[in-house]
Amino acid sequence: KNLVQSGYKGKRYPINPKSPEIQGLKAYPNLSAIDANIDLLIYIIPPQFILSTLDECKKKNIDSIIAISAGFKETGSGGARYDRKMLKKAKELNMSILGPNCLGLISTSSRLNATFAPGMPSEGNIAFFSQSGALCIAILDWALGEGIGFSKFISLGNKSDLGEIDFLRYLADDDST
């Protein structure tokens, strides 16, 4: 919904094996059914499917993933196993993962709202990130009410792969921040 309503101009390919359409967009039964180059996968399915999804990503040359799904190390030893296996496979396949168990990210300059948070902030020059999705939602809600804009808005979640240092390095050279 946010990818549609935020004004993102890039192509979007929702995947759902049970629905032919999502938010007015043609839905695909799986990643392999999409005949296009894909830059970013937003993962919102149970953790037990992450390893096979990473294999599909490799076949499609996708190397950037936002894993919004919960059920990883924050749930205990069973989820931690999924987390370790996911990170090991991602490293073997040369992929970067934001999350899991995160709110997602927003880039206002590209009108990309890859979160499940309500609202799209205006464009600004402040970048914000936090491990806590609850804090992100609170700050975003406050900023929307006050008219405060952001360049990037990032929820780190479990930080299985990408963390604060990665984003500080990126944002240090980001012209919009």
C-alpha atoms as a PDB file:
ATOM      1  CA  LYS A   1       0.000   0.000   0.000  1.00  0.00           C
ATOM      2  CA  ASN A   2       2.768   2.452   0.912  1.00  0.00           C
ATOM      3  CA  LEU A   3       4.688   1.741  -2.299  1.00  0.00           C
ATOM      4  CA  VAL A   4       1.562   2.626  -4.267  1.00  0.00           C
ATOM      5  CA  GLN A   5       0.404   5.633  -2.222  1.00  0.00           C
ATOM      6  CA  SER A   6       3.827   7.255  -1.703  1.00  0.00           C
ATOM      7  CA  GLY A   7       4.215   8.099  -5.381  1.00  0.00           C
ATOM      8  CA  TYR A   8       7.125   5.767  -6.055  1.00  0.00           C
ATOM      9  CA  LYS A   9       7.690   5.779  -9.833  1.00  0.00           C
ATOM     10  CA  GLY A  10       9.713   2.572 -10.109  1.00  0.00           C
ATOM     11  CA  LYS A  11       8.244  -0.766 -11.057  1.00  0.00           C
ATOM     12  CA  ARG A  12       6.667  -2.865  -8.321  1.00  0.00           C
ATOM     13  CA  TYR A  13       6.012  -6.588  -8.506  1.00  0.00           C
ATOM     14  CA  PRO A  14       3.889  -7.948  -5.669  1.00  0.00           C
ATOM     15  CA  ILE A  15       4.147 -11.687  -5.113  1.00  0.00           C
ATOM     16  CA  ASN A  16       1.298 -13.773  -3.765  1.00  0.00           C
ATOM     17  CA  PRO A  17       0.518 -17.288  -4.996  1.00  0.00           C
ATOM     18  CA  LYS A  18      -3.164 -16.884  -4.050  1.00  0.00           C
ATOM     19  CA  SER A  19      -4.030 -13.498  -5.541  1.00  0.00           C
ATOM     20  CA  PRO A  20      -3.787 -12.229  -9.142  1.00  0.00           C
ATOM     21  CA  GLU A  21      -3.780  -8.583  -7.996  1.00  0.00           C
ATOM     22  CA  ILE A  22      -2.595  -6.562  -4.988  1.00  0.00           C
ATOM     23  CA  GLN A  23      -3.289  -2.829  -4.568  1.00  0.00           C
ATOM     24  CA  GLY A  24      -4.216  -2.575  -8.240  1.00  0.00           C
ATOM     25  CA  LEU A  25      -0.968  -4.179  -9.396  1.00  0.00           C
ATOM     26  CA  LYS A  26      -0.659  -7.522 -11.147  1.00  0.00           C
ATOM     27  CA  ALA A  27       0.578 -10.079  -8.597  1.00  0.00           C
ATOM     28  CA  TYR A  28       2.944 -12.908  -9.445  1.00  0.00           C
ATOM     29  CA  PRO A  29       2.851 -16.418  -7.978  1.00  0.00           C
ATOM     30  CA  ASN A  30       6.599 -16.373  -7.230  1.00  0.00           C
ATOM     31  CA  LEU A  31       9.775 -14.444  -7.901  1.00  0.00           C
ATOM     32  CA  SER A  32      10.745 -16.586 -10.899  1.00  0.00           C
ATOM     33  CA  ALA A  33       7.529 -15.617 -12.719  1.00  0.00           C
ATOM     34  CA  ILE A  34       8.688 -12.001 -12.961  1.00  0.00           C
ATOM     35  CA  ASP A  35      10.413 -11.307 -16.271  1.00  0.00           C
ATOM     36  CA  ALA A  36      12.285  -8.166 -15.245  1.00  0.00           C
ATOM     37  CA  ASN A  37      15.361  -6.963 -13.415  1.00  0.00           C
ATOM     38  CA  ILE A  38      14.689  -6.313  -9.745  1.00  0.00           C
ATOM     39  CA  ASP A  39      16.810  -4.078  -7.518  1.00  0.00           C
ATOM     40  CA  LEU A  40      15.252  -4.699  -4.111  1.00  0.00           C
ATOM     41  CA  LEU A  41      13.191  -7.451  -2.511  1.00  0.00           C
ATOM     42  CA  ILE A  42      10.948  -6.561   0.417  1.00  0.00           C
ATOM     43  CA  TYR A  43      10.457  -9.774   2.406  1.00  0.00           C
ATOM     44  CA  ILE A  44       7.214 -10.023   4.387  1.00  0.00           C
ATOM     45  CA  ILE A  45       6.656 -13.764   4.790  1.00  0.00           C
ATOM     46  CA  PRO A  46       7.473 -16.257   7.572  1.00  0.00           C
ATOM     47  CA  PRO A  47      11.150 -16.912   8.346  1.00  0.00           C
ATOM     48  CA  GLN A  48      11.029 -20.578   7.307  1.00  0.00           C
ATOM     49  CA  PHE A  49      10.901 -19.417   3.663  1.00  0.00           C
ATOM     50  CA  ILE A  50      13.919 -17.085   3.793  1.00  0.00           C
ATOM     51  CA  LEU A  51      16.562 -19.567   2.571  1.00  0.00           C
ATOM     52  CA  SER A  52      14.608 -20.618  -0.512  1.00  0.00           C
ATOM     53  CA  THR A  53      13.770 -16.956  -1.160  1.00  0.00           C
ATOM     54  CA  LEU A  54      17.472 -16.052  -1.059  1.00  0.00           C
ATOM     55  CA  ASP A  55      18.134 -18.809  -3.614  1.00  0.00           C
ATOM     56  CA  GLU A  56      15.435 -17.319  -5.849  1.00  0.00           C
ATOM     57  CA  CYS A  57      16.980 -13.870  -5.375  1.00  0.00           C
ATOM     58  CA  LYS A  58      20.348 -15.173  -6.541  1.00  0.00           C
ATOM     59  CA  LYS A  59      18.757 -16.536  -9.737  1.00  0.00           C
ATOM     60  CA  LYS A  60      17.233 -13.081 -10.355  1.00  0.00           C
ATOM     61  CA  ASN A  61      20.477 -11.209  -9.463  1.00  0.00           C
ATOM     62  CA  ILE A  62      18.806  -9.457  -6.516  1.00  0.00           C
ATOM     63  CA  ASP A  63      21.375  -8.480  -3.898  1.00  0.00           C
ATOM     64  CA  SER A  64      19.418  -6.073  -1.664  1.00  0.00           C
ATOM     65  CA  ILE A  65      16.715  -7.248   0.726  1.00  0.00           C
ATOM     66  CA  ILE A  66      14.563  -5.589   3.356  1.00  0.00           C
ATOM     67  CA  ALA A  67      13.386  -8.340   5.700  1.00  0.00           C
ATOM     68  CA  ILE A  68      10.408  -6.839   7.511  1.00  0.00           C
ATOM     69  CA  SER A  69       9.255 -10.228   8.827  1.00  0.00           C
ATOM     70  CA  ALA A  70       9.524 -11.074  12.495  1.00  0.00           C
ATOM     71  CA  GLY A  71      10.195 -14.527  13.923  1.00  0.00           C
ATOM     72  CA  PHE A  72      13.978 -14.426  13.895  1.00  0.00           C
ATOM     73  CA  LYS A  73      16.402 -14.044  16.828  1.00  0.00           C
ATOM     74  CA  GLU A  74      14.012 -11.817  18.753  1.00  0.00           C
ATOM     75  CA  THR A  75      11.851 -14.934  19.369  1.00  0.00           C
ATOM     76  CA  GLY A  76      14.521 -17.117  20.958  1.00  0.00           C
ATOM     77  CA  SER A  77      16.748 -19.997  19.904  1.00  0.00           C
ATOM     78  CA  GLY A  78      14.496 -21.299  17.105  1.00  0.00           C
ATOM     79  CA  GLY A  79      14.320 -17.895  15.452  1.00  0.00           C
ATOM     80  CA  ALA A  80      18.031 -17.347  16.049  1.00  0.00           C
ATOM     81  CA  ARG A  81      18.730 -20.455  13.928  1.00  0.00           C
ATOM     82  CA  TYR A  82      16.798 -18.903  11.024  1.00  0.00           C
ATOM     83  CA  ASP A  83      18.758 -15.714  11.555  1.00  0.00           C
ATOM     84  CA  ARG A  84      22.162 -17.455  11.460  1.00  0.00           C
ATOM     85  CA  LYS A  85      21.249 -19.517   8.397  1.00  0.00           C
ATOM     86  CA  MET A  86      19.882 -16.443   6.615  1.00  0.00           C
ATOM     87  CA  LEU A  87      23.013 -14.399   7.282  1.00  0.00           C
ATOM     88  CA  LYS A  88      25.343 -17.240   6.280  1.00  0.00           C
ATOM     89  CA  LYS A  89      23.510 -17.768   2.989  1.00  0.00           C
ATOM     90  CA  ALA A  90      23.271 -14.033   2.296  1.00  0.00           C
ATOM     91  CA  LYS A  91      27.033 -13.686   2.738  1.00  0.00           C
ATOM     92  CA  GLU A  92      27.679 -16.704   0.483  1.00  0.00           C
ATOM     93  CA  LEU A  93      25.439 -15.131  -2.183  1.00  0.00           C
ATOM     94  CA  ASN A  94      26.870 -11.609  -1.703  1.00  0.00           C
ATOM     95  CA  MET A  95      23.575 -10.070  -0.574  1.00  0.00           C
ATOM     96  CA  SER A  96      22.824  -7.268   1.896  1.00  0.00           C
ATOM     97  CA  ILE A  97      19.890  -7.466   4.287  1.00  0.00           C
ATOM     98  CA  LEU A  98      18.181  -4.734   6.294  1.00  0.00           C
ATOM     99  CA  GLY A  99      16.402  -6.301   9.278  1.00  0.00           C
ATOM    100  CA  PRO A 100      14.828  -8.718   9.844  1.00  0.00           C
ATOM    101  CA  ASN A 101      12.082  -7.664  12.225  1.00  0.00           C
ATOM    102  CA  CYS A 102      12.240  -4.073  11.032  1.00  0.00           C
ATOM    103  CA  LEU A 103       9.789  -1.416   9.939  1.00  0.00           C
ATOM    104  CA  GLY A 104      11.614  -0.963   6.602  1.00  0.00           C
ATOM    105  CA  LEU A 105      12.967   2.226   5.043  1.00  0.00           C
ATOM    106  CA  ILE A 106      11.844   5.443   3.404  1.00  0.00           C
ATOM    107  CA  SER A 107      13.738   7.492   0.829  1.00  0.00           C
ATOM    108  CA  THR A 108      11.789  10.684   0.242  1.00  0.00           C
ATOM    109  CA  SER A 109      13.759  11.813  -2.818  1.00  0.00           C
ATOM    110  CA  SER A 110      12.658   8.703  -4.720  1.00  0.00           C
ATOM    111  CA  ARG A 111       9.225   8.626  -3.029  1.00  0.00           C
ATOM    112  CA  LEU A 112      10.037   5.097  -1.822  1.00  0.00           C
ATOM    113  CA  ASN A 113       8.102   4.111   1.281  1.00  0.00           C
ATOM    114  CA  ALA A 114       9.083   0.486   1.896  1.00  0.00           C
ATOM    115  CA  THR A 115       7.581   0.373   5.388  1.00  0.00           C
ATOM    116  CA  PHE A 116       4.306  -0.569   6.974  1.00  0.00           C
ATOM    117  CA  ALA A 117       4.146   2.758   8.840  1.00  0.00           C
ATOM    118  CA  PRO A 118       1.241   5.076   8.090  1.00  0.00           C
ATOM    119  CA  GLY A 119       2.145   8.253   6.225  1.00  0.00           C
ATOM    120  CA  MET A 120       4.939   9.551   4.030  1.00  0.00           C
ATOM    121  CA  PRO A 121       7.113  12.351   5.397  1.00  0.00           C
ATOM    122  CA  SER A 122       7.938  15.336   3.262  1.00  0.00           C
ATOM    123  CA  GLU A 123      11.365  15.636   1.696  1.00  0.00           C
ATOM    124  CA  GLY A 124      13.994  17.108   3.984  1.00  0.00           C
ATOM    125  CA  ASN A 125      17.685  16.846   4.777  1.00  0.00           C
ATOM    126  CA  ILE A 126      17.508  14.869   8.028  1.00  0.00           C
ATOM    127  CA  ALA A 127      18.288  11.165   8.023  1.00  0.00           C
ATOM    128  CA  PHE A 128      16.913   9.152  10.909  1.00  0.00           C
ATOM    129  CA  PHE A 129      17.520   5.545  11.879  1.00  0.00           C
ATOM    130  CA  SER A 130      16.811   3.429  14.916  1.00  0.00           C
ATOM    131  CA  GLN A 131      16.865  -0.209  15.899  1.00  0.00           C
ATOM    132  CA  SER A 132      13.416   0.197  17.415  1.00  0.00           C
ATOM    133  CA  GLY A 133      10.474   0.088  15.050  1.00  0.00           C
ATOM    134  CA  ALA A 134       8.254   1.491  17.828  1.00  0.00           C
ATOM    135  CA  LEU A 135      10.548   4.512  18.191  1.00  0.00           C
ATOM    136  CA  CYS A 136      10.578   4.937  14.397  1.00  0.00           C
ATOM    137  CA  ILE A 137       6.778   4.985  14.274  1.00  0.00           C
ATOM    138  CA  ALA A 138       6.602   7.477  17.172  1.00  0.00           C
ATOM    139  CA  ILE A 139       9.156   9.823  15.560  1.00  0.00           C
ATOM    140  CA  LEU A 140       7.516   9.505  12.146  1.00  0.00           C
ATOM    141  CA  ASP A 141       4.078  10.249  13.584  1.00  0.00           C
ATOM    142  CA  TRP A 142       5.435  13.293  15.428  1.00  0.00           C
ATOM    143  CA  ALA A 143       7.327  14.516  12.330  1.00  0.00           C
ATOM    144  CA  LEU A 144       4.242  14.164  10.121  1.00  0.00           C
ATOM    145  CA  GLY A 145       2.249  16.264  12.609  1.00  0.00           C
ATOM    146  CA  GLU A 146       4.968  18.921  12.785  1.00  0.00           C
ATOM    147  CA  GLY A 147       5.718  18.970   9.046  1.00  0.00           C
ATOM    148  CA  ILE A 148       9.324  17.857   9.539  1.00  0.00           C
ATOM    149  CA  GLY A 149      10.914  16.266   6.485  1.00  0.00           C
ATOM    150  CA  PHE A 150      13.508  13.548   6.107  1.00  0.00           C
ATOM    151  CA  SER A 151      15.956  12.436   3.451  1.00  0.00           C
ATOM    152  CA  LYS A 152      15.995   8.838   4.697  1.00  0.00           C
ATOM    153  CA  PHE A 153      14.087   7.081   7.446  1.00  0.00           C
ATOM    154  CA  ILE A 154      15.440   3.643   8.361  1.00  0.00           C
ATOM    155  CA  SER A 155      14.404   0.979  10.836  1.00  0.00           C
ATOM    156  CA  LEU A 156      17.300  -1.389  11.562  1.00  0.00           C
ATOM    157  CA  GLY A 157      15.396  -4.131  13.390  1.00  0.00           C
ATOM    158  CA  ASN A 158      17.560  -7.077  14.424  1.00  0.00           C
ATOM    159  CA  LYS A 159      20.599  -5.802  12.475  1.00  0.00           C
ATOM    160  CA  SER A 160      21.519  -9.305  11.343  1.00  0.00           C
ATOM    161  CA  ASP A 161      23.541  -7.844   8.484  1.00  0.00           C
ATOM    162  CA  LEU A 162      23.347  -4.058   8.034  1.00  0.00           C
ATOM    163  CA  GLY A 163      23.703  -1.875  11.116  1.00  0.00           C
ATOM    164  CA  GLU A 164      24.416   1.631  12.311  1.00  0.00           C
ATOM    165  CA  ILE A 165      27.970   1.808  10.953  1.00  0.00           C
ATOM    166  CA  ASP A 166      26.839   0.769   7.458  1.00  0.00           C
ATOM    167  CA  PHE A 167      24.207   3.509   7.376  1.00  0.00           C
ATOM    168  CA  LEU A 168      26.460   6.164   8.911  1.00  0.00           C
ATOM    169  CA  ARG A 169      29.010   5.473   6.171  1.00  0.00           C
ATOM    170  CA  TYR A 170      26.333   5.647   3.481  1.00  0.00           C
ATOM    171  CA  LEU A 171      24.659   8.774   4.845  1.00  0.00           C
ATOM    172  CA  ALA A 172      27.988  10.609   5.254  1.00  0.00           C
ATOM    173  CA  ASP A 173      28.202  10.752   1.450  1.00  0.00           C
ATOM    174  CA  ASP A 174      24.478  11.142   0.755  1.00  0.00           C
ATOM    175  CA  ASP A 175      23.900  14.533  -0.915  1.00  0.00           C
ATOM    176  CA  SER A 176      20.292  14.654   0.262  1.00  0.00           C
ATOM    177  CA  THR A 177      21.266  14.265   3.931  1.00  0.00           C
END
